[in-house]
C-alpha atoms as a PDB file:
ATOM      1  CA  UNK A   1      61.409 162.682 100.043  1.00  0.00           C
ATOM      2  CA  UNK A   2      64.964 162.464  99.233  1.00  0.00           C
ATOM      3  CA  UNK A   3      67.163 159.961 100.984  1.00  0.00           C
ATOM      4  CA  UNK A   4      69.916 162.857 101.249  1.00  0.00           C
ATOM      5  CA  UNK A   5      67.512 164.924 103.431  1.00  0.00           C
ATOM      6  CA  UNK A   6      66.879 162.216 105.882  1.00  0.00           C
ATOM      7  CA  UNK A   7      69.163 161.809 109.101  1.00  0.00           C
ATOM      8  CA  UNK A   8      68.851 158.392 110.731  1.00  0.00           C
ATOM      9  CA  UNK A   9      70.622 157.822 114.372  1.00  0.00           C
ATOM     10  CA  UNK A  10      70.217 156.047 117.568  1.00  0.00           C
ATOM     11  CA  UNK A  11      68.864 158.565 120.165  1.00  0.00           C
ATOM     12  CA  UNK A  12      70.750 157.805 123.275  1.00  0.00           C
ATOM     13  CA  UNK A  13      68.724 157.990 126.561  1.00  0.00           C
ATOM     14  CA  UNK A  14      70.497 161.169 127.679  1.00  0.00           C
ATOM     15  CA  UNK A  15      69.406 162.842 124.706  1.00  0.00           C
ATOM     16  CA  UNK A  16      65.789 161.693 124.704  1.00  0.00           C
ATOM     17  CA  UNK A  17      63.958 164.895 125.034  1.00  0.00           C
ATOM     18  CA  UNK A  18      60.170 164.954 125.778  1.00  0.00           C
ATOM     19  CA  UNK A  19      59.762 166.347 122.451  1.00  0.00           C
ATOM     20  CA  UNK A  20      61.690 163.336 120.704  1.00  0.00           C
ATOM     21  CA  UNK A  21      59.646 160.858 122.733  1.00  0.00           C
ATOM     22  CA  UNK A  22      56.382 162.609 121.932  1.00  0.00           C
ATOM     23  CA  UNK A  23      56.923 162.445 118.235  1.00  0.00           C
ATOM     24  CA  UNK A  24      58.418 158.784 118.382  1.00  0.00           C
ATOM     25  CA  UNK A  25      55.424 157.654 120.698  1.00  0.00           C
ATOM     26  CA  UNK A  26      52.904 159.085 118.126  1.00  0.00           C
ATOM     27  CA  UNK A  27      54.177 156.729 115.553  1.00  0.00           C
ATOM     28  CA  UNK A  28      54.513 153.728 117.989  1.00  0.00           C
ATOM     29  CA  UNK A  29      51.062 154.123 119.032  1.00  0.00           C
ATOM     30  CA  UNK A  30      50.046 153.144 115.458  1.00  0.00           C
ATOM     31  CA  UNK A  31      52.109 149.995 115.966  1.00  0.00           C
ATOM     32  CA  UNK A  32      50.627 149.203 119.337  1.00  0.00           C
ATOM     33  CA  UNK A  33      47.048 150.008 118.145  1.00  0.00           C
ATOM     34  CA  UNK A  34      47.546 147.008 115.457  1.00  0.00           C
ATOM     35  CA  UNK A  35      48.935 144.657 117.788  1.00  0.00           C
ATOM     36  CA  UNK A  36      47.275 142.519 120.654  1.00  0.00           C
ATOM     37  CA  UNK A  37      47.068 144.984 123.429  1.00  0.00           C
ATOM     38  CA  UNK A  38      50.220 143.621 124.985  1.00  0.00           C
ATOM     39  CA  UNK A  39      52.382 146.679 125.232  1.00  0.00           C
ATOM     40  CA  UNK A  40      52.321 149.984 126.876  1.00  0.00           C
ATOM     41  CA  UNK A  41      54.115 153.316 125.656  1.00  0.00           C
ATOM     42  CA  UNK A  42      55.313 154.206 129.118  1.00  0.00           C
ATOM     43  CA  UNK A  43      57.039 150.804 129.307  1.00  0.00           C
ATOM     44  CA  UNK A  44      58.823 151.229 126.030  1.00  0.00           C
ATOM     45  CA  UNK A  45      60.014 154.491 127.379  1.00  0.00           C
ATOM     46  CA  UNK A  46      60.974 153.114 130.573  1.00  0.00           C
ATOM     47  CA  UNK A  47      63.314 150.366 128.769  1.00  0.00           C
ATOM     48  CA  UNK A  48      64.808 153.071 126.483  1.00  0.00           C
ATOM     49  CA  UNK A  49      65.697 155.195 129.880  1.00  0.00           C
ATOM     50  CA  UNK A  50      66.960 152.171 131.799  1.00  0.00           C
ATOM     51  CA  UNK A  51      69.166 151.434 128.694  1.00  0.00           C
ATOM     52  CA  UNK A  52      67.715 147.986 127.961  1.00  0.00           C
ATOM     53  CA  UNK A  53      66.285 149.311 124.556  1.00  0.00           C
ATOM     54  CA  UNK A  54      67.209 151.794 122.173  1.00  0.00           C
ATOM     55  CA  UNK A  55      65.271 154.238 120.048  1.00  0.00           C
ATOM     56  CA  UNK A  56      66.531 154.482 116.273  1.00  0.00           C
ATOM     57  CA  UNK A  57      64.887 157.524 114.554  1.00  0.00           C
ATOM     58  CA  UNK A  58      64.797 158.805 111.094  1.00  0.00           C
ATOM     59  CA  UNK A  59      64.583 162.601 111.031  1.00  0.00           C
ATOM     60  CA  UNK A  60      63.607 164.931 108.120  1.00  0.00           C
ATOM     61  CA  UNK A  61      64.412 168.420 109.188  1.00  0.00           C
ATOM     62  CA  UNK A  62      63.250 168.502 112.781  1.00  0.00           C
ATOM     63  CA  UNK A  63      60.437 166.036 112.222  1.00  0.00           C
ATOM     64  CA  UNK A  64      60.774 162.210 113.187  1.00  0.00           C
ATOM     65  CA  UNK A  65      59.340 160.335 110.096  1.00  0.00           C
ATOM     66  CA  UNK A  66      60.029 156.961 111.581  1.00  0.00           C
ATOM     67  CA  UNK A  67      61.275 154.940 114.563  1.00  0.00           C
ATOM     68  CA  UNK A  68      62.387 151.524 115.577  1.00  0.00           C
ATOM     69  CA  UNK A  69      62.971 150.095 119.027  1.00  0.00           C
ATOM     70  CA  UNK A  70      65.867 147.884 119.432  1.00  0.00           C
ATOM     71  CA  UNK A  71      66.918 145.468 121.965  1.00  0.00           C
ATOM     72  CA  UNK A  72      69.481 142.507 122.516  1.00  0.00           C
ATOM     73  CA  UNK A  73      68.654 139.246 123.589  1.00  0.00           C
ATOM     74  CA  UNK A  74      70.998 136.432 124.832  1.00  0.00           C
ATOM     75  CA  UNK A  75      69.971 133.034 124.414  1.00  0.00           C
ATOM     76  CA  UNK A  76      70.947 129.803 126.540  1.00  0.00           C
ATOM     77  CA  UNK A  77      72.571 128.400 123.473  1.00  0.00           C
ATOM     78  CA  UNK A  78      75.037 131.168 123.339  1.00  0.00           C
ATOM     79  CA  UNK A  79      73.550 133.028 120.199  1.00  0.00           C
ATOM     80  CA  UNK A  80      72.788 136.669 120.722  1.00  0.00           C
ATOM     81  CA  UNK A  81      70.270 138.639 118.655  1.00  0.00           C
ATOM     82  CA  UNK A  82      69.614 142.236 118.110  1.00  0.00           C
ATOM     83  CA  UNK A  83      65.796 142.464 118.094  1.00  0.00           C
ATOM     84  CA  UNK A  84      63.520 145.010 116.209  1.00  0.00           C
ATOM     85  CA  UNK A  85      60.212 144.471 117.991  1.00  0.00           C
ATOM     86  CA  UNK A  86      58.839 147.702 116.639  1.00  0.00           C
ATOM     87  CA  UNK A  87      59.048 149.644 113.460  1.00  0.00           C
ATOM     88  CA  UNK A  88      56.679 152.645 112.857  1.00  0.00           C
ATOM     89  CA  UNK A  89      56.601 155.646 110.565  1.00  0.00           C
ATOM     90  CA  UNK A  90      56.204 156.682 106.870  1.00  0.00           C
ATOM     91  CA  UNK A  91      58.584 157.388 103.786  1.00  0.00           C
ATOM     92  CA  UNK A  92      60.377 153.906 104.405  1.00  0.00           C
ATOM     93  CA  UNK A  93      62.190 154.312 101.006  1.00  0.00           C
ATOM     94  CA  UNK A  94      64.036 157.494 102.368  1.00  0.00           C
ATOM     95  CA  UNK A  95      65.433 155.806 105.565  1.00  0.00           C
ATOM     96  CA  UNK A  96      65.470 151.961 105.636  1.00  0.00           C
ATOM     97  CA  UNK A  97      68.710 151.496 104.081  1.00  0.00           C
ATOM     98  CA  UNK A  98      70.664 153.661 106.198  1.00  0.00           C
ATOM     99  CA  UNK A  99      68.663 152.582 109.098  1.00  0.00           C
ATOM    100  CA  UNK A 100      69.180 148.798 108.510  1.00  0.00           C
ATOM    101  CA  UNK A 101      73.038 149.724 107.951  1.00  0.00           C
ATOM    102  CA  UNK A 102      73.018 151.260 111.461  1.00  0.00           C
ATOM    103  CA  UNK A 103      71.204 148.259 113.068  1.00  0.00           C
ATOM    104  CA  UNK A 104      73.699 145.655 111.180  1.00  0.00           C
ATOM    105  CA  UNK A 105      76.683 147.897 112.785  1.00  0.00           C
ATOM    106  CA  UNK A 106      75.283 147.814 116.157  1.00  0.00           C
ATOM    107  CA  UNK A 107      74.336 144.125 116.005  1.00  0.00           C
ATOM    108  CA  UNK A 108      78.329 143.439 114.918  1.00  0.00           C
ATOM    109  CA  UNK A 109      79.442 145.946 117.719  1.00  0.00           C
ATOM    110  CA  UNK A 110      77.389 144.049 120.285  1.00  0.00           C
ATOM    111  CA  UNK A 111      78.585 140.545 118.885  1.00  0.00           C
ATOM    112  CA  UNK A 112      75.168 139.504 117.943  1.00  0.00           C
ATOM    113  CA  UNK A 113      74.987 136.401 115.947  1.00  0.00           C
ATOM    114  CA  UNK A 114      71.800 137.426 114.132  1.00  0.00           C
ATOM    115  CA  UNK A 115      69.096 140.083 113.833  1.00  0.00           C
ATOM    116  CA  UNK A 116      65.356 139.303 114.268  1.00  0.00           C
ATOM    117  CA  UNK A 117      62.642 141.340 113.750  1.00  0.00           C
ATOM    118  CA  UNK A 118      58.668 141.313 114.195  1.00  0.00           C
ATOM    119  CA  UNK A 119      56.067 142.515 111.558  1.00  0.00           C
ATOM    120  CA  UNK A 120      53.398 142.063 109.355  1.00  0.00           C
ATOM    121  CA  UNK A 121      53.761 139.769 106.313  1.00  0.00           C
ATOM    122  CA  UNK A 122      55.343 141.691 103.538  1.00  0.00           C
ATOM    123  CA  UNK A 123      58.189 143.390 105.656  1.00  0.00           C
ATOM    124  CA  UNK A 124      60.653 141.184 104.044  1.00  0.00           C
ATOM    125  CA  UNK A 125      60.227 143.790 101.132  1.00  0.00           C
ATOM    126  CA  UNK A 126      61.261 146.612 103.394  1.00  0.00           C
ATOM    127  CA  UNK A 127      64.361 144.368 104.820  1.00  0.00           C
ATOM    128  CA  UNK A 128      65.520 142.642 101.862  1.00  0.00           C
ATOM    129  CA  UNK A 129      68.448 141.124 103.843  1.00  0.00           C
ATOM    130  CA  UNK A 130      66.132 139.670 106.149  1.00  0.00           C
ATOM    131  CA  UNK A 131      64.091 136.432 105.231  1.00  0.00           C
ATOM    132  CA  UNK A 132      60.777 135.553 106.740  1.00  0.00           C
ATOM    133  CA  UNK A 133      61.382 132.188 108.841  1.00  0.00           C
ATOM    134  CA  UNK A 134      57.825 132.284 110.555  1.00  0.00           C
ATOM    135  CA  UNK A 135      54.715 134.120 110.935  1.00  0.00           C
ATOM    136  CA  UNK A 136      53.085 133.969 114.450  1.00  0.00           C
ATOM    137  CA  UNK A 137      49.493 133.765 114.629  1.00  0.00           C
ATOM    138  CA  UNK A 138      47.363 133.520 117.994  1.00  0.00           C
ATOM    139  CA  UNK A 139      43.718 133.403 119.135  1.00  0.00           C
ATOM    140  CA  UNK A 140      41.998 134.134 122.462  1.00  0.00           C
ATOM    141  CA  UNK A 141      41.136 131.328 124.539  1.00  0.00           C
END
């Protein structure tokens, strides 16, 4: 898939149709299924519609091939992070460069001090400008 045939953009809450959400949620469900059963799709959708999170999508023709959820966290120290808690989809080489440019520009516009992302070991290959600073493991009690 050619990078020039993929369009990456933030889907503003007023433009998030049922069709867009249904396509994005199928991709996000794959990430949720690999997680710790802590997140519900309907709550992600609610946060997007409330405006506390954003949906970034990579479109190939009319199909969503990937999406990211973005949010901003203000810390007590004055630092502000643009968070990327969920990335889902396929054909990463066709959209990740443009997608990360959009994320970086959004972080600058929102006066963020840094960008943080969650993901499996190996995501640093997809986001070469980001470095792994920790890996979180957990177990049930």
